[in-house]
Amino acid sequence: MAALAIVLLLVSLLAIGMPVGFALAVAGVAGLFHTGGVDMVLGILDTVPLSSASSYELVTIPMFLLMAEFIIMSKIADDLFESATKFIGHLPGGLGVATAVAGAGFGAISGSSTAAAATLSAACIPAMIKQGYEPRMAYGVVAISGTLAMLIPPSIAIVLYAIIAGESIGPMLIAGVIPGLLVTLTIAFTVVLLVLLDRSRAPVTPRASWKERIESLKITGPMVALMLLVTGVIYLGVATPTEASALGAFGAFVLAIRARKIDVGSLWQALTKAASSSCMIAMIIVGAKIFGYFFAMTQATQDLVAFIAGLGLNRYVVLFLILCMYLLLGCLLDQIAILILTVPVVLPIIKALAFDPMWFGIIVIVMAEVGMVTPPVGLNVFVVARVNNRPAAEIFRGVAPHVVAHLVLVAILVAFPALVLWLPATIKS
């Protein structure tokens, strides 16, 4: 009963707009006070903030955020889209497919979903509208392509899941590679299918010459090198994820200098934005640890695991219900809040059902992708709507086919766990 009351308090605090980290901390402190009084509260507050924020692995987050800021500054998404257009723009829905490819490439060097959506909006939508693409479809493919930054490494969402779940960050990041490519192909396939069903949605664009294609690769070459620098050194065991994140931030800094997009003012802006986001995430982790201590002391999670085990349901039925919960939460909360609030509670259930925690983490991230484009929150949709000054309802309609395609892909990943687990199993130690 006490656990339920504290959960309701947490929901109430979130409903009135209190930041997630502070809401978790306040609700956790209230629960600890009810359970053990002032001494217990002071004991937890004396140790948890320092132990949480001083974790060496947390350095990965500000470095990846700084990397994202430098990449956004260098305007490299424009080059990615232009290069992809040269190769596949003449195919049915080619510019839409090029947007998915640019989203994957930008996601591989930014890790920020909303930043990817905003950047792709500026780079891709004007070109598609100019070529006569159906606006609704153009907005939809940009909104869904932006979510690839959540899955393709480096991914802040994957790093957070690994920290919360106690998984190794390196293998978790590598586990996102194949699913990330499959999501990219799913977006591209959906675009092509929509165009084949109605050719008026996307007129054919002129074919670029091979000379133009080769020249475009010279521009995107440094970006590819940065992708290999970050993901490759982790896979080969040359560097830890923390070291790779620092290398990535430095590489992005070099790209920004090369593009002549950096000065003292923009450098300070990038540093302050990365620091601000890092502090926000650190506060969420501290609040989650305080809240988690209360749950551990009440044994609410253990009781929930025992209750579900006592129902005798097939484990895939339980998994289906959990994924439905994530789909619902994705309509109401952002992905970081979802991970922080649910993983400590759900993960013991997943382990008790003999599912792999790493595999489950990737499934959760893909479900969070869907949440980024589903109403009423759908953060990526509102980013695209704001950048293009269009009603959100229009973007929601444009992204609906992609939501269906994503759910089909989730079913495939559930049926074939090796799609997630094979590549991290081959990682060099």
Protein backbone atom coordinates (compact mmCIF):
# COMPACT_ATOMS: atom_id res chain seq x y z
CA MET A 1 0.00 0.00 0.00
CA ALA A 2 2.86 2.40 0.84
CA ALA A 3 4.51 1.68 -2.53
CA LEU A 4 1.26 2.43 -4.36
CA ALA A 5 0.82 5.72 -2.48
CA ILE A 6 4.38 6.82 -3.35
CA VAL A 7 3.88 5.88 -7.02
CA LEU A 8 0.71 7.99 -7.07
CA LEU A 9 2.67 10.85 -5.48
CA LEU A 10 5.29 10.53 -8.22
CA VAL A 11 2.64 10.57 -10.96
CA SER A 12 1.04 13.64 -9.36
CA LEU A 13 4.35 15.50 -9.24
CA LEU A 14 5.02 14.68 -12.90
CA ALA A 15 1.48 15.76 -13.80
CA ILE A 16 1.98 19.23 -12.32
CA GLY A 17 5.16 19.67 -14.34
CA MET A 18 7.94 18.97 -11.83
CA PRO A 19 11.13 17.85 -13.62
CA VAL A 20 11.55 14.07 -13.65
CA GLY A 21 14.73 14.00 -11.57
CA PHE A 22 13.29 16.15 -8.79
CA ALA A 23 9.96 14.29 -8.84
CA LEU A 24 11.77 10.98 -8.37
CA ALA A 25 13.88 12.41 -5.54
CA VAL A 26 10.92 13.96 -3.69
CA ALA A 27 8.79 10.83 -4.01
CA GLY A 28 11.73 8.64 -2.96
CA VAL A 29 12.49 10.80 0.08
CA ALA A 30 8.81 10.70 1.11
CA GLY A 31 8.81 6.91 0.84
CA LEU A 32 12.08 6.53 2.77
CA PHE A 33 10.79 8.86 5.50
CA HIS A 34 7.63 6.74 5.82
CA THR A 35 9.70 3.55 5.94
CA GLY A 36 12.64 4.48 8.19
CA GLY A 37 12.26 8.05 9.35
CA VAL A 38 14.71 10.95 9.22
CA ASP A 39 17.82 8.86 9.89
CA MET A 40 17.20 6.66 6.85
CA VAL A 41 16.55 9.69 4.62
CA LEU A 42 19.75 11.45 5.76
CA GLY A 43 21.77 8.26 5.36
CA ILE A 44 20.63 7.81 1.76
CA LEU A 45 21.04 11.48 0.85
CA ASP A 46 24.53 11.46 2.34
CA THR A 47 25.78 8.77 -0.04
CA VAL A 48 23.58 8.43 -3.14
CA PRO A 49 24.21 11.77 -4.96
CA LEU A 50 28.00 11.41 -4.83
CA SER A 51 28.05 7.69 -5.65
CA SER A 52 25.67 8.20 -8.59
CA ALA A 53 27.26 11.29 -10.11
CA SER A 54 30.87 10.14 -9.66
CA SER A 55 30.46 7.03 -11.80
CA TYR A 56 33.24 6.89 -14.41
CA GLU A 57 30.82 5.58 -17.04
CA LEU A 58 28.74 8.76 -16.76
CA VAL A 59 31.51 10.64 -18.58
CA THR A 60 30.18 8.95 -21.73
CA ILE A 61 27.00 11.03 -21.64
CA PRO A 62 28.45 14.59 -21.69
CA MET A 63 31.01 13.55 -24.32
CA PHE A 64 28.34 12.16 -26.66
CA LEU A 65 26.17 15.23 -26.04
CA LEU A 66 29.11 17.51 -26.85
CA MET A 67 29.77 15.45 -29.97
CA ALA A 68 26.16 16.01 -31.02
CA GLU A 69 26.43 19.78 -30.49
CA PHE A 70 29.54 20.01 -32.67
CA ILE A 71 27.93 17.90 -35.41
CA ILE A 72 24.81 20.07 -35.43
CA MET A 73 27.07 23.12 -35.63
CA SER A 74 28.96 21.77 -38.66
CA LYS A 75 25.71 21.35 -40.68
CA ILE A 76 26.85 17.93 -41.84
CA ALA A 77 23.28 16.62 -42.22
CA ASP A 78 22.93 18.74 -45.37
CA ASP A 79 25.95 16.97 -46.88
CA LEU A 80 24.64 13.55 -45.86
CA PHE A 81 21.29 14.17 -47.50
CA GLU A 82 22.86 15.60 -50.66
CA SER A 83 25.23 12.64 -51.02
CA ALA A 84 22.43 10.09 -50.47
CA THR A 85 20.26 11.94 -52.99
CA LYS A 86 22.97 11.69 -55.65
CA PHE A 87 22.95 7.88 -55.35
CA ILE A 88 19.27 7.02 -54.78
CA GLY A 89 17.28 10.19 -55.41
CA HIS A 90 16.11 8.97 -58.85
CA LEU A 91 14.47 5.82 -57.43
CA PRO A 92 10.76 5.69 -56.43
CA GLY A 93 10.56 7.76 -53.25
CA GLY A 94 14.30 8.30 -53.55
CA LEU A 95 14.43 11.55 -51.59
CA GLY A 96 12.45 9.93 -48.77
CA VAL A 97 14.85 6.98 -48.73
CA ALA A 98 17.77 9.45 -48.79
CA THR A 99 16.24 11.12 -45.72
CA ALA A 100 16.25 7.76 -43.89
CA VAL A 101 19.90 7.22 -44.88
CA ALA A 102 20.81 10.74 -43.76
CA GLY A 103 18.92 10.13 -40.50
CA ALA A 104 20.92 6.96 -39.89
CA GLY A 105 24.19 8.72 -40.65
CA PHE A 106 23.36 11.75 -38.53
CA GLY A 107 22.14 9.50 -35.71
CA ALA A 108 25.42 7.61 -35.80
CA ILE A 109 27.30 10.78 -34.93
CA SER A 110 24.83 12.75 -32.82
CA GLY A 111 22.84 10.48 -30.48
CA SER A 112 20.11 13.11 -30.05
CA SER A 113 16.69 12.30 -31.51
CA THR A 114 15.11 15.74 -31.29
CA ALA A 115 18.28 17.37 -32.65
CA ALA A 116 18.23 14.91 -35.56
CA ALA A 117 14.57 15.71 -36.29
CA ALA A 118 15.20 19.46 -36.26
CA THR A 119 18.32 19.18 -38.41
CA LEU A 120 16.74 16.82 -40.94
CA SER A 121 13.71 19.12 -41.17
CA ALA A 122 15.92 21.96 -42.32
CA ALA A 123 18.02 19.80 -44.64
CA CYS A 124 15.52 17.43 -46.24
CA ILE A 125 11.97 18.79 -46.23
CA PRO A 126 12.59 21.84 -48.49
CA ALA A 127 14.20 19.58 -51.11
CA MET A 128 11.32 17.09 -51.03
CA ILE A 129 8.64 19.80 -51.18
CA LYS A 130 10.48 21.51 -54.06
CA GLN A 131 10.50 18.23 -56.03
CA GLY A 132 6.73 17.85 -55.57
CA TYR A 133 6.63 15.29 -52.75
CA GLU A 134 3.41 15.01 -50.80
CA PRO A 135 4.04 17.27 -47.75
CA ARG A 136 2.45 14.86 -45.29
CA MET A 137 4.73 12.04 -46.39
CA ALA A 138 7.80 14.30 -46.32
CA TYR A 139 7.07 15.44 -42.77
CA GLY A 140 6.38 11.87 -41.65
CA VAL A 141 9.63 10.39 -42.98
CA VAL A 142 11.67 13.17 -41.36
CA ALA A 143 9.97 12.70 -37.97
CA ILE A 144 10.55 8.93 -37.94
CA SER A 145 14.10 9.16 -39.36
CA GLY A 146 15.06 11.44 -36.49
CA THR A 147 14.35 8.64 -34.01
CA LEU A 148 17.24 6.59 -35.43
CA ALA A 149 19.58 8.60 -33.19
CA MET A 150 18.10 6.74 -30.22
CA LEU A 151 19.23 3.37 -31.53
CA ILE A 152 22.28 3.70 -33.76
CA PRO A 153 25.43 4.18 -31.63
CA PRO A 154 26.39 6.46 -30.07
CA SER A 155 23.00 6.55 -28.34
CA ILE A 156 22.30 8.38 -25.08
CA ALA A 157 19.23 6.18 -24.56
CA ILE A 158 21.29 2.98 -24.86
CA VAL A 159 23.97 4.35 -22.52
CA LEU A 160 21.31 5.23 -19.95
CA TYR A 161 19.69 1.80 -20.21
CA ALA A 162 23.08 0.12 -19.75
CA ILE A 163 23.79 2.20 -16.63
CA ILE A 164 20.35 1.54 -15.13
CA ALA A 165 20.34 -2.16 -15.99
CA GLY A 166 23.94 -2.76 -14.95
CA GLU A 167 24.91 -3.89 -18.46
CA SER A 168 28.25 -3.20 -20.13
CA ILE A 169 27.96 -0.03 -22.23
CA GLY A 170 30.21 -1.25 -25.07
CA PRO A 171 28.26 -4.41 -26.01
CA MET A 172 24.98 -2.53 -25.52
CA LEU A 173 26.03 0.11 -28.05
CA ILE A 174 27.18 -2.54 -30.54
CA ALA A 175 23.88 -4.38 -30.04
CA GLY A 176 22.11 -1.37 -31.55
CA VAL A 177 23.95 -1.57 -34.89
CA ILE A 178 21.99 -4.32 -36.70
CA PRO A 179 18.57 -3.24 -35.32
CA GLY A 180 19.48 0.33 -36.31
CA LEU A 181 20.17 -0.78 -39.88
CA LEU A 182 16.93 -2.79 -39.91
CA VAL A 183 14.96 0.25 -38.74
CA THR A 184 16.59 2.31 -41.51
CA LEU A 185 15.58 -0.31 -44.08
CA THR A 186 12.07 -0.44 -42.60
CA ILE A 187 11.66 3.33 -43.03
CA ALA A 188 13.00 3.14 -46.60
CA PHE A 189 10.75 0.18 -47.46
CA THR A 190 7.70 2.00 -46.08
CA VAL A 191 8.47 5.08 -48.19
CA VAL A 192 8.91 3.00 -51.37
CA LEU A 193 5.70 1.08 -50.68
CA LEU A 194 3.72 4.29 -50.16
CA VAL A 195 5.05 5.68 -53.45
CA LEU A 196 4.33 2.46 -55.37
CA LEU A 197 0.76 2.56 -54.08
CA ASP A 198 0.36 6.16 -55.24
CA ARG A 199 2.97 7.56 -57.65
CA SER A 200 1.67 11.11 -57.19
CA ARG A 201 3.15 11.15 -53.68
CA ALA A 202 6.70 11.42 -55.03
CA PRO A 203 7.61 12.45 -58.60
CA VAL A 204 10.74 10.98 -60.17
CA THR A 205 13.82 13.17 -59.74
CA PRO A 206 16.71 13.47 -62.23
CA ARG A 207 19.50 10.91 -62.07
CA ALA A 208 22.91 12.26 -60.96
CA SER A 209 26.04 11.40 -62.92
CA TRP A 210 28.68 9.09 -61.46
CA LYS A 211 31.07 12.04 -61.32
CA GLU A 212 28.64 13.92 -59.06
CA ARG A 213 28.21 10.83 -56.89
CA ILE A 214 31.94 10.33 -56.39
CA GLU A 215 32.47 14.01 -55.61
CA SER A 216 29.74 13.88 -52.97
CA LEU A 217 31.60 11.08 -51.19
CA LYS A 218 34.56 13.42 -50.67
CA ILE A 219 32.32 15.61 -48.54
CA THR A 220 30.83 12.79 -46.45
CA GLY A 221 34.10 10.87 -46.06
CA PRO A 222 35.11 12.59 -42.79
CA MET A 223 31.70 11.76 -41.32
CA VAL A 224 32.14 8.08 -42.19
CA ALA A 225 35.59 8.19 -40.59
CA LEU A 226 34.07 9.61 -37.41
CA MET A 227 31.44 6.85 -37.33
CA LEU A 228 34.19 4.24 -37.61
CA LEU A 229 36.24 6.05 -35.00
CA VAL A 230 33.48 5.87 -32.39
CA THR A 231 31.86 2.49 -33.08
CA GLY A 232 34.88 0.71 -34.51
CA VAL A 233 37.23 1.31 -31.57
CA ILE A 234 34.58 -0.04 -29.19
CA TYR A 235 33.96 -3.14 -31.31
CA LEU A 236 37.66 -3.86 -31.79
CA GLY A 237 38.41 -3.36 -28.10
CA VAL A 238 40.86 -0.54 -28.86
CA ALA A 239 39.05 1.86 -26.51
CA THR A 240 36.37 1.78 -23.86
CA PRO A 241 33.02 3.51 -24.56
CA THR A 242 34.13 6.39 -22.34
CA GLU A 243 37.37 6.83 -24.28
CA ALA A 244 35.50 6.43 -27.58
CA SER A 245 33.06 9.16 -26.57
CA ALA A 246 35.96 11.55 -25.93
CA LEU A 247 37.51 10.65 -29.29
CA GLY A 248 34.12 11.23 -30.94
CA ALA A 249 33.71 14.65 -29.33
CA PHE A 250 37.20 15.65 -30.48
CA GLY A 251 36.52 14.33 -33.99
CA ALA A 252 33.27 16.30 -34.18
CA PHE A 253 35.15 19.39 -32.99
CA VAL A 254 37.63 18.94 -35.84
CA LEU A 255 34.76 18.57 -38.35
CA ALA A 256 33.19 21.80 -37.06
CA ILE A 257 36.55 23.61 -37.51
CA ARG A 258 36.96 22.10 -40.99
CA ALA A 259 33.49 23.38 -41.93
CA ARG A 260 34.43 26.85 -40.61
CA LYS A 261 31.36 26.82 -38.38
CA ILE A 262 32.99 27.41 -35.01
CA ASP A 263 34.07 30.51 -33.12
CA VAL A 264 34.32 31.49 -29.46
CA GLY A 265 30.58 32.20 -29.18
CA SER A 266 29.42 28.98 -30.83
CA LEU A 267 31.98 26.94 -28.86
CA TRP A 268 30.68 28.37 -25.59
CA GLN A 269 27.10 27.67 -26.69
CA ALA A 270 27.94 24.03 -27.50
CA LEU A 271 29.71 23.56 -24.17
CA THR A 272 26.89 25.09 -22.13
CA LYS A 273 24.19 23.09 -23.93
CA ALA A 274 26.07 19.83 -23.40
CA ALA A 275 26.71 20.70 -19.74
CA SER A 276 23.08 21.63 -19.15
CA SER A 277 21.77 18.39 -20.67
CA SER A 278 24.36 16.36 -18.75
CA CYS A 279 23.32 17.92 -15.44
CA MET A 280 19.68 17.18 -16.21
CA ILE A 281 20.44 13.52 -16.92
CA ALA A 282 22.67 13.25 -13.82
CA MET A 283 19.85 14.62 -11.66
CA ILE A 284 17.46 12.08 -13.14
CA ILE A 285 19.89 9.26 -12.30
CA VAL A 286 20.31 10.54 -8.71
CA GLY A 287 16.54 10.82 -8.27
CA ALA A 288 16.04 7.35 -9.71
CA LYS A 289 18.59 5.87 -7.27
CA ILE A 290 16.80 7.48 -4.30
CA PHE A 291 13.44 6.24 -5.55
CA GLY A 292 14.95 2.81 -6.21
CA TYR A 293 16.19 2.49 -2.62
CA PHE A 294 12.63 2.97 -1.39
CA PHE A 295 11.32 0.32 -3.77
CA ALA A 296 14.06 -2.09 -2.72
CA MET A 297 13.22 -1.66 0.96
CA THR A 298 9.50 -2.24 0.40
CA GLN A 299 10.30 -5.31 -1.78
CA ALA A 300 7.61 -4.10 -4.18
CA THR A 301 9.54 -5.33 -7.21
CA GLN A 302 10.07 -8.80 -5.73
CA ASP A 303 6.39 -9.02 -4.84
CA LEU A 304 5.46 -8.03 -8.41
CA VAL A 305 7.76 -10.71 -9.85
CA ALA A 306 6.27 -13.32 -7.54
CA PHE A 307 2.74 -12.24 -8.45
CA ILE A 308 3.37 -12.52 -12.19
CA ALA A 309 5.08 -15.89 -11.75
CA GLY A 310 2.05 -17.08 -9.81
CA LEU A 311 -0.28 -16.26 -12.71
CA GLY A 312 1.28 -19.02 -14.80
CA LEU A 313 1.13 -16.99 -18.01
CA ASN A 314 3.26 -17.78 -21.03
CA ARG A 315 6.36 -15.57 -20.92
CA TYR A 316 5.62 -14.12 -24.34
CA VAL A 317 2.17 -13.05 -23.14
CA VAL A 318 3.82 -11.19 -20.26
CA LEU A 319 6.33 -9.65 -22.69
CA PHE A 320 3.49 -8.56 -24.96
CA LEU A 321 1.75 -6.83 -22.04
CA ILE A 322 4.99 -5.10 -21.05
CA LEU A 323 5.54 -3.84 -24.61
CA CYS A 324 1.96 -2.58 -24.72
CA MET A 325 2.74 -0.65 -21.54
CA TYR A 326 5.79 0.88 -23.22
CA LEU A 327 3.71 1.85 -26.24
CA LEU A 328 1.22 3.60 -23.96
CA LEU A 329 3.95 5.32 -21.93
CA GLY A 330 5.62 6.44 -25.14
CA CYS A 331 2.49 8.43 -25.94
CA LEU A 332 2.81 10.34 -22.65
CA LEU A 333 6.48 10.61 -21.62
CA ASP A 334 9.87 11.14 -23.25
CA GLN A 335 12.24 8.19 -23.63
CA ILE A 336 14.61 9.14 -20.79
CA ALA A 337 11.75 9.36 -18.29
CA ILE A 338 10.38 6.03 -19.52
CA LEU A 339 13.73 4.27 -19.06
CA ILE A 340 14.39 5.73 -15.62
CA LEU A 341 10.88 5.01 -14.30
CA THR A 342 10.31 1.54 -15.71
CA VAL A 343 13.57 -0.37 -16.18
CA PRO A 344 14.29 -0.90 -12.43
CA VAL A 345 10.81 -2.36 -12.03
CA VAL A 346 10.44 -4.28 -15.29
CA LEU A 347 13.96 -5.71 -15.65
CA PRO A 348 13.66 -8.19 -12.73
CA ILE A 349 10.52 -9.53 -14.39
CA ILE A 350 12.34 -9.89 -17.71
CA LYS A 351 15.20 -11.76 -16.03
CA ALA A 352 12.77 -14.01 -14.16
CA LEU A 353 11.19 -14.90 -17.51
CA ALA A 354 14.66 -15.85 -18.85
CA PHE A 355 14.81 -13.09 -21.47
CA ASP A 356 18.18 -11.51 -22.22
CA PRO A 357 18.47 -8.01 -20.62
CA MET A 358 20.59 -6.69 -23.51
CA TRP A 359 18.06 -7.87 -26.08
CA PHE A 360 15.21 -6.42 -24.03
CA GLY A 361 16.98 -3.06 -23.84
CA ILE A 362 17.11 -2.78 -27.63
CA ILE A 363 13.45 -3.76 -27.88
CA VAL A 364 12.58 -1.05 -25.36
CA ILE A 365 14.59 1.55 -27.32
CA VAL A 366 12.72 0.66 -30.53
CA MET A 367 9.42 0.96 -28.66
CA ALA A 368 10.60 4.34 -27.37
CA GLU A 369 11.25 5.33 -31.00
CA VAL A 370 7.60 4.63 -31.73
CA GLY A 371 6.65 6.72 -28.69
CA MET A 372 8.61 9.67 -30.13
CA VAL A 373 6.10 9.90 -33.01
CA THR A 374 2.80 8.87 -31.40
CA PRO A 375 0.21 11.27 -29.95
CA PRO A 376 -0.40 13.11 -27.72
CA VAL A 377 3.28 13.86 -26.86
CA GLY A 378 5.33 12.61 -29.84
CA LEU A 379 8.29 14.95 -29.27
CA ASN A 380 9.78 14.46 -32.74
CA VAL A 381 6.45 15.29 -34.34
CA PHE A 382 6.21 18.56 -32.46
CA VAL A 383 9.82 19.41 -33.36
CA VAL A 384 9.06 18.90 -37.07
CA ALA A 385 5.78 20.81 -36.72
CA ARG A 386 7.51 23.77 -35.05
CA VAL A 387 10.41 23.93 -37.53
CA ASN A 388 8.05 23.82 -40.53
CA ASN A 389 5.21 25.81 -38.96
CA ARG A 390 2.70 23.04 -39.69
CA PRO A 391 -0.07 21.53 -37.53
CA ALA A 392 1.07 18.50 -35.53
CA ALA A 393 -1.97 16.52 -36.71
CA GLU A 394 -0.64 16.61 -40.28
CA ILE A 395 2.71 15.16 -39.21
CA PHE A 396 1.01 12.49 -37.07
CA ARG A 397 -0.96 11.36 -40.14
CA GLY A 398 2.19 11.28 -42.24
CA VAL A 399 4.09 9.17 -39.72
CA ALA A 400 1.27 6.66 -39.05
CA PRO A 401 2.41 4.09 -41.70
CA HIS A 402 5.89 4.13 -40.17
CA VAL A 403 4.46 3.38 -36.72
CA VAL A 404 2.78 0.26 -38.10
CA ALA A 405 6.00 -0.80 -39.86
CA HIS A 406 8.00 -0.30 -36.65
CA LEU A 407 5.63 -2.52 -34.68
CA VAL A 408 6.06 -5.25 -37.31
CA LEU A 409 9.83 -4.93 -36.91
CA VAL A 410 9.50 -5.23 -33.13
CA ALA A 411 7.67 -8.53 -33.66
CA ILE A 412 10.53 -9.72 -35.88
CA LEU A 413 13.14 -8.77 -33.27
CA VAL A 414 11.15 -10.62 -30.62
CA ALA A 415 10.91 -13.72 -32.82
CA PHE A 416 14.62 -13.63 -33.76
CA PRO A 417 16.72 -12.41 -30.78
CA ALA A 418 19.94 -13.25 -32.67
CA LEU A 419 19.39 -10.12 -34.76
CA VAL A 420 20.25 -8.18 -31.60
CA LEU A 421 22.63 -10.53 -29.78
CA TRP A 422 24.87 -11.86 -32.54
CA LEU A 423 27.07 -8.80 -33.18
CA PRO A 424 27.86 -7.95 -29.50
CA ALA A 425 28.78 -11.63 -28.99
CA THR A 426 31.59 -11.17 -31.52
CA ILE A 427 33.01 -8.03 -29.92
CA LYS A 428 36.73 -8.01 -29.14
CA SER A 429 37.60 -7.97 -25.46
